[in-house]
Protein backbone atom coordinates (compact mmCIF):
# COMPACT_ATOMS: atom_id res chain seq x y z
CA MET A 1 -192.50 20.46 -19.14
CA ALA A 2 -194.59 16.86 -18.92
CA PRO A 3 -196.86 16.16 -16.27
CA ARG A 4 -196.20 15.37 -12.94
CA PRO A 5 -197.48 11.83 -12.53
CA THR A 6 -200.43 11.15 -10.27
CA PRO A 7 -200.08 9.62 -6.63
CA ASP A 8 -200.71 6.11 -5.46
CA GLY A 9 -201.29 5.80 -1.93
CA LEU A 10 -202.33 5.64 1.29
CA LEU A 11 -203.22 9.47 3.25
CA LEU A 12 -204.44 9.70 6.77
CA VAL A 13 -206.57 12.53 7.50
CA ASP A 14 -207.68 14.30 10.74
CA LYS A 15 -211.12 15.41 10.08
CA PRO A 16 -212.67 18.08 11.95
CA ALA A 17 -216.21 18.40 13.35
CA GLY A 18 -219.15 20.42 10.84
CA VAL A 19 -217.73 18.70 8.48
CA THR A 20 -218.48 15.21 5.84
CA SER A 21 -216.13 12.43 4.94
CA HIS A 22 -217.07 13.54 1.43
CA ASP A 23 -215.91 17.24 1.90
CA VAL A 24 -212.80 15.64 3.51
CA VAL A 25 -212.22 13.47 0.01
CA ASN A 26 -212.98 16.51 -1.83
CA ALA A 27 -210.95 18.64 -0.52
CA ALA A 28 -208.18 16.32 -1.40
CA ARG A 29 -208.71 15.30 -5.19
CA ARG A 30 -208.19 19.00 -5.22
CA ALA A 31 -204.84 19.11 -3.11
CA LEU A 32 -203.99 16.07 -5.05
CA GLY A 33 -205.23 16.74 -8.15
CA GLU A 34 -206.30 13.22 -8.51
CA LYS A 35 -210.51 12.55 -8.98
CA ARG A 36 -210.10 8.87 -7.68
CA ILE A 37 -209.89 8.93 -3.79
CA GLY A 38 -211.74 6.63 -1.72
CA HIS A 39 -212.37 6.19 1.91
CA GLY A 40 -212.84 3.39 4.38
CA GLY A 41 -215.34 4.44 6.38
CA THR A 42 -217.59 6.95 6.84
CA LEU A 43 -217.62 9.45 9.86
CA ASP A 44 -220.70 11.63 10.68
CA PRO A 45 -220.51 15.05 10.48
CA PHE A 46 -220.17 15.73 14.15
CA ALA A 47 -218.17 13.47 14.99
CA THR A 48 -214.33 13.91 14.37
CA GLY A 49 -211.01 11.96 13.73
CA LEU A 50 -209.74 9.33 11.20
CA LEU A 51 -210.59 8.78 7.81
CA VAL A 52 -208.20 6.79 5.93
CA LEU A 53 -208.19 7.46 2.34
CA LEU A 54 -206.42 5.91 -0.50
CA VAL A 55 -205.31 7.61 -3.82
CA GLY A 56 -205.00 6.41 -7.68
CA ARG A 57 -204.92 3.01 -8.72
CA ALA A 58 -204.71 2.12 -4.60
CA THR A 59 -208.68 3.09 -4.50
CA ARG A 60 -208.39 -0.69 -5.90
CA LEU A 61 -207.28 -2.14 -2.62
CA LEU A 62 -210.22 -0.68 -0.03
CA ARG A 63 -211.49 -4.12 0.17
CA TRP A 64 -208.81 -5.33 1.53
CA LEU A 65 -207.68 -3.13 3.98
CA HIS A 66 -206.72 -4.39 7.70
CA ASP A 67 -209.37 -1.33 9.00
CA GLU A 68 -211.11 -3.06 11.34
CA PRO A 69 -211.52 -3.03 14.84
CA LYS A 70 -212.85 0.83 14.53
CA VAL A 71 -211.82 2.28 17.73
CA TYR A 72 -213.84 5.63 19.05
CA GLU A 73 -213.86 7.86 21.91
CA ALA A 74 -217.38 9.44 22.92
CA THR A 75 -218.76 11.77 25.63
CA VAL A 76 -222.34 10.55 26.73
CA ARG A 77 -224.65 12.72 27.94
CA PHE A 78 -227.52 11.02 29.60
CA GLY A 79 -231.08 12.02 30.69
CA ALA A 80 -232.27 12.83 27.31
CA GLU A 81 -232.42 11.16 23.84
CA THR A 82 -232.46 13.01 20.49
CA ASP A 83 -233.92 12.15 17.19
CA THR A 84 -230.39 12.47 16.18
CA GLU A 85 -228.51 9.79 18.91
CA ASP A 86 -225.83 13.39 18.91
CA LEU A 87 -226.37 16.93 20.41
CA GLU A 88 -227.12 18.10 17.24
CA GLY A 89 -231.32 16.76 17.45
CA GLN A 90 -234.25 17.49 19.00
CA VAL A 91 -234.94 15.68 22.72
CA THR A 92 -237.54 13.29 22.21
CA ARG A 93 -237.49 11.42 25.53
CA GLU A 94 -236.79 11.99 29.27
CA ALA A 95 -235.77 9.70 32.04
CA PRO A 96 -234.15 10.13 35.21
CA LEU A 97 -230.32 10.00 35.14
CA PRO A 98 -228.54 6.28 35.98
CA SER A 99 -226.47 4.60 38.48
CA ARG A 100 -223.31 3.69 37.27
CA VAL A 101 -223.95 0.35 39.13
CA ALA A 102 -226.61 -0.29 36.44
CA LEU A 103 -224.57 1.43 33.69
CA GLU A 104 -221.71 -0.57 34.40
CA ALA A 105 -224.25 -4.28 34.48
CA ALA A 106 -225.28 -3.44 31.43
CA VAL A 107 -222.34 -3.40 29.22
CA PRO A 108 -221.94 -7.31 28.62
CA SER A 109 -225.47 -7.30 27.03
CA TRP A 110 -224.28 -4.80 24.35
CA THR A 111 -221.00 -6.99 23.49
CA GLY A 112 -220.30 -9.55 21.62
CA GLU A 113 -221.93 -10.00 18.05
CA ILE A 114 -225.30 -7.96 18.79
CA ASP A 115 -228.67 -7.10 16.53
CA GLN A 116 -228.64 -3.10 16.31
CA VAL A 117 -231.56 -0.66 15.41
CA PRO A 118 -229.51 1.97 13.17
CA PRO A 119 -230.44 5.98 14.24
CA ALA A 120 -233.19 7.50 12.26
CA TYR A 121 -230.73 10.18 10.97
CA SER A 122 -228.06 7.43 9.39
CA ALA A 123 -227.82 6.63 5.81
CA LYS A 124 -229.13 3.56 5.89
CA ARG A 125 -231.37 2.69 2.54
CA VAL A 126 -235.48 2.62 3.07
CA ASP A 127 -237.10 2.01 0.33
CA GLY A 128 -234.86 3.75 -2.13
CA ARG A 129 -233.83 6.81 0.17
CA ARG A 130 -231.67 7.65 2.44
CA SER A 131 -232.79 6.98 5.73
CA TYR A 132 -231.53 10.85 7.13
CA GLU A 133 -233.89 12.23 4.27
CA LEU A 134 -237.52 10.71 5.63
CA ALA A 135 -236.41 11.70 9.08
CA ARG A 136 -235.50 15.30 7.69
CA GLU A 137 -238.62 15.66 6.36
CA GLY A 138 -240.99 14.68 9.62
CA ARG A 139 -241.83 10.84 8.17
CA ALA A 140 -241.06 7.90 11.17
CA VAL A 141 -238.52 5.51 9.93
CA GLU A 142 -238.80 2.29 11.23
CA LEU A 143 -235.39 0.42 10.28
CA THR A 144 -234.75 -2.99 11.15
CA PRO A 145 -231.80 -4.28 13.16
CA SER A 146 -228.15 -5.47 11.58
CA ARG A 147 -225.83 -7.57 13.13
CA VAL A 148 -222.73 -5.88 14.60
CA ARG A 149 -219.67 -6.63 16.37
CA VAL A 150 -218.84 -4.47 19.69
CA GLU A 151 -215.24 -6.09 20.73
CA SER A 152 -215.38 -3.52 24.07
CA ILE A 153 -217.07 -0.95 26.12
CA VAL A 154 -214.97 0.36 28.06
CA LEU A 155 -216.60 3.41 30.56
CA SER A 156 -214.60 5.89 32.64
CA ASP A 157 -214.67 9.68 33.86
CA PHE A 158 -218.09 9.28 35.46
CA THR A 159 -219.40 13.27 35.83
CA GLY A 160 -222.32 13.16 38.97
CA GLY A 161 -223.07 10.68 41.82
CA ASP A 162 -222.64 7.09 41.92
CA ASP A 163 -226.83 7.31 41.78
CA ALA A 164 -227.11 9.84 39.45
CA VAL A 165 -224.00 9.58 36.38
CA ALA A 166 -224.67 13.20 34.04
CA SER A 167 -222.34 12.06 31.63
CA CYS A 168 -219.51 10.36 30.98
CA ARG A 169 -216.39 8.51 28.50
CA MET A 170 -216.78 5.88 26.53
CA ARG A 171 -214.30 3.80 24.41
CA VAL A 172 -215.80 1.16 21.93
CA ALA A 173 -213.63 -1.10 19.73
CA CYS A 174 -216.27 -2.46 17.43
CA GLY A 175 -216.88 -3.59 13.78
CA GLY A 176 -217.14 -1.73 10.57
CA GLY A 177 -221.35 -0.72 10.26
CA THR A 178 -222.10 0.04 14.00
CA TYR A 179 -222.93 3.08 15.16
CA VAL A 180 -221.68 4.95 18.88
CA ARG A 181 -224.77 7.02 19.02
CA SER A 182 -226.92 3.63 19.11
CA LEU A 183 -224.54 1.72 21.57
CA ALA A 184 -224.95 4.95 24.14
CA ARG A 185 -228.98 5.23 23.65
CA ASP A 186 -229.07 1.20 23.78
CA LEU A 187 -227.03 1.42 26.77
CA ALA A 188 -229.15 4.02 28.66
CA ARG A 189 -232.09 2.44 28.49
CA ALA A 190 -231.00 -0.78 30.04
CA ALA A 191 -229.60 1.48 32.05
CA GLY A 192 -232.85 2.97 32.73
CA SER A 193 -232.15 5.67 31.40
CA ALA A 194 -232.06 7.54 28.44
CA ALA A 195 -228.53 9.13 26.41
CA HIS A 196 -227.62 10.44 23.55
CA LEU A 197 -223.53 11.82 22.18
CA VAL A 198 -221.78 15.16 22.73
CA ALA A 199 -218.72 14.47 21.13
CA LEU A 200 -217.08 11.16 18.80
CA ARG A 201 -213.76 10.80 17.45
CA ARG A 202 -212.20 7.71 15.68
CA THR A 203 -208.65 7.61 16.84
CA ARG A 204 -207.66 3.90 15.55
CA ALA A 205 -209.60 1.49 11.75
CA GLY A 206 -207.45 -1.30 12.59
CA VAL A 207 -203.65 -0.97 11.86
CA PHE A 208 -204.39 2.14 11.36
CA THR A 209 -204.10 5.20 13.82
CA LEU A 210 -204.99 9.24 14.23
CA ALA A 211 -201.80 9.63 15.01
CA HIS A 212 -200.06 9.73 11.89
CA SER A 213 -203.11 11.23 9.91
CA VAL A 214 -202.49 14.63 8.87
CA PRO A 215 -205.25 17.60 9.50
CA LEU A 216 -207.79 18.69 7.11
CA GLU A 217 -206.50 22.49 7.40
CA ARG A 218 -203.14 20.70 5.51
CA LEU A 219 -205.26 19.88 2.88
CA ARG A 220 -207.42 22.97 2.31
CA ASP A 221 -204.35 25.26 2.87
CA GLY A 222 -202.46 23.96 0.43
CA ASP A 223 -199.60 22.88 2.90
CA PRO A 224 -197.05 19.94 1.17
CA ILE A 225 -198.48 16.53 1.77
CA THR A 226 -196.51 12.78 1.85
CA ILE A 227 -198.55 10.11 0.72
CA ALA A 228 -197.44 7.12 1.74
CA PRO A 229 -196.95 4.66 -0.65
CA ALA A 230 -199.67 1.86 -1.63
CA ILE A 231 -197.62 -0.91 0.39
CA ASP A 232 -198.39 1.40 3.16
CA ALA A 233 -202.17 0.16 3.14
CA LEU A 234 -201.56 -3.18 3.19
CA GLU A 235 -199.93 -3.39 6.59
CA GLY A 236 -200.81 -6.97 7.90
CA TYR A 237 -200.40 -9.23 5.32
CA PRO A 238 -197.37 -10.97 3.97
CA PHE A 239 -195.07 -9.89 1.74
CA GLN A 240 -192.91 -11.38 -1.05
CA LEU A 241 -190.03 -9.83 -3.07
CA LEU A 242 -190.51 -10.82 -6.68
CA SER A 243 -187.44 -10.59 -9.33
CA ASP A 244 -187.64 -8.56 -12.45
CA GLU A 245 -189.04 -12.01 -14.07
CA GLU A 246 -191.85 -12.70 -12.02
CA VAL A 247 -193.09 -8.86 -11.95
CA ALA A 248 -192.98 -8.95 -15.66
CA HIS A 249 -195.43 -11.99 -15.11
CA VAL A 250 -197.35 -10.63 -12.56
CA VAL A 251 -198.25 -6.78 -14.08
CA ARG A 252 -199.57 -8.81 -17.00
CA GLY A 253 -201.77 -11.29 -14.65
CA ILE A 254 -200.37 -14.42 -14.98
CA ASP A 255 -199.37 -16.13 -11.20
CA VAL A 256 -196.28 -17.01 -9.65
CA GLU A 257 -195.03 -19.35 -6.86
CA ALA A 258 -196.22 -18.82 -3.53
CA LYS A 259 -193.07 -18.55 -0.79
CA VAL A 260 -194.96 -17.41 1.87
CA GLU A 261 -197.85 -18.31 3.81
CA GLY A 262 -201.23 -16.67 3.97
CA PRO A 263 -204.15 -16.84 1.77
CA PHE A 264 -203.43 -13.70 0.62
CA ALA A 265 -199.73 -11.48 0.44
CA ALA A 266 -198.82 -8.27 -1.24
CA LEU A 267 -196.21 -8.73 -3.94
CA ILE A 268 -193.25 -6.14 -3.96
CA SER A 269 -189.70 -5.03 -5.57
CA ALA A 270 -186.74 -3.39 -5.10
CA SER A 271 -184.81 -0.64 -6.83
CA SER A 272 -182.70 1.72 -6.01
CA PRO A 273 -183.02 5.46 -5.39
CA ALA A 274 -181.48 5.66 -8.73
CA ASP A 275 -183.77 3.73 -10.68
CA ALA A 276 -186.91 5.16 -8.99
CA SER A 277 -189.63 6.70 -11.28
CA ASP A 278 -191.20 10.19 -10.83
CA ALA A 279 -194.01 8.56 -9.14
CA ALA A 280 -191.92 6.89 -6.33
CA VAL A 281 -189.89 10.50 -5.66
CA LEU A 282 -194.01 12.35 -5.15
CA ARG A 283 -194.12 8.57 -2.52
CA PRO A 284 -190.98 9.25 -0.46
CA PRO A 285 -190.75 6.59 2.28
CA PRO A 286 -193.02 7.82 5.13
CA PRO A 287 -191.28 9.97 8.00
CA SER A 288 -191.41 8.84 11.72
CA SER A 289 -194.56 10.69 12.39
CA ALA A 290 -195.84 9.36 9.32
CA VAL A 291 -197.42 5.52 8.62
CA LEU A 292 -194.82 2.97 9.76
CA ARG A 293 -193.66 0.66 7.03
CA ARG A 294 -193.73 -3.16 7.42
CA PRO A 295 -190.09 -4.55 7.85
CA PRO A 296 -189.11 -6.45 4.58
CA PRO A 297 -189.59 -9.54 4.38
CA SER A 298 -186.94 -12.38 5.85
CA SER A 299 -184.05 -13.25 3.98
CA ALA A 300 -185.18 -16.66 3.58
CA VAL A 301 -188.34 -15.28 1.94
CA LEU A 302 -186.01 -12.74 -0.49
CA ARG A 303 -183.29 -15.29 -0.82
CA ARG A 304 -180.79 -12.19 -0.36
CA PRO A 305 -181.80 -8.88 1.86
CA PRO A 306 -181.66 -5.69 -0.75
CA PRO A 307 -180.03 -2.95 -0.14
CA SER A 308 -180.96 -0.22 3.01
CA SER A 309 -181.46 2.14 0.41
CA ALA A 310 -183.58 -0.19 -1.80
CA VAL A 311 -186.76 1.62 -2.76
CA LEU A 312 -189.68 -1.10 -1.94
CA SER A 313 -192.80 -0.46 -3.98
CA LEU A 314 -196.21 -2.40 -4.52
CA VAL A 315 -196.80 -4.23 -7.73
CA ALA A 316 -199.47 -6.26 -6.82
CA PHE A 317 -202.01 -7.88 -4.29
CA ALA A 318 -202.35 -11.43 -4.51
CA GLU A 319 -204.54 -13.84 -3.99
CA ARG A 320 -202.92 -17.85 -2.90
CA ARG A 321 -204.43 -20.60 -4.89
CA ASP A 322 -202.96 -24.45 -5.61
CA SER A 323 -202.26 -26.00 -8.92
CA GLU A 324 -200.68 -29.23 -9.88
CA ARG A 325 -197.77 -26.80 -10.22
CA GLY A 326 -198.29 -25.92 -5.93
CA ALA A 327 -199.27 -23.17 -4.41
CA ARG A 328 -199.18 -19.89 -6.57
CA TRP A 329 -200.06 -15.90 -6.00
CA GLN A 330 -202.53 -14.85 -8.80
CA PRO A 331 -202.70 -11.33 -8.89
CA ARG A 332 -206.34 -9.13 -7.87
CA VAL A 333 -205.04 -5.92 -8.15
CA VAL A 334 -201.56 -4.76 -10.36
CA MET A 335 -200.84 -1.25 -9.40
CA ARG A 336 -198.06 -1.39 -12.39
CA ASP A 337 -199.08 -0.95 -15.68
CA VAL A 338 -197.34 -4.00 -18.58
């Protein structure tokens, strides 16, 4: 019997607490029988929520994902800082509980483009070593601030009195590289207090949502898993349908005419279900509970719309370039063999 084709595509996983992002990748590798799996942003072991995984040749699309802003729901406990800035660390400083007014007044100072000092227990490198490795050895770690973008901070569900807030929920929308643990630390300090996180959950990464994810347990238990097609990883980009002749050019790295606007585009083809390859059968259109497929391009771009039963598949991700022949799409990531 011929080996089953390797799946290429998108898988959204709901990570539980107590495992690393790498643990999730390893579980997916075992479940899918595929070594080429990458993720679009690490979650701390104590954190839960959305991990965006790309499988097979789709891993080459990681740098192009529309996966920001990241959205997190956190629970903040006031009155004490820990060395890890979460509930798993040792208390390093205590301070009076803050008032609600002081906390809300501090929010504007920590939104927008800010300089953030990462936690000592982080994956940042110091003299060639991970910061958390040095911290675990008891060594003092001084990290330089990083410029990050925080789009919004919303505080809610306050416990305690208005003059002595014991805890609250904090919803954060931010760019990659932002530490929500450190946001809670800095917000509390600005309010004259101290804080650490007791829970953190990523609910969204750009166009990808936790609502469309599968629990890690399903991977570990060997349950059947549908890999969304690679085309779904490029949600948010314009799509251009290719003719058979254009497909033959693109898979060889040859540019084709650009018929849609934008600096980048997903170049796709359409085929009948009967013509779909075994690999396509492994990646059927996702059910309503999975990733929502971007609607096909307009008939003006398609020239004539494909039949409703057509299978749309990704041929390449391309970058626009201008030439004496007009606007062209230069393939950057080709998803098919010649």
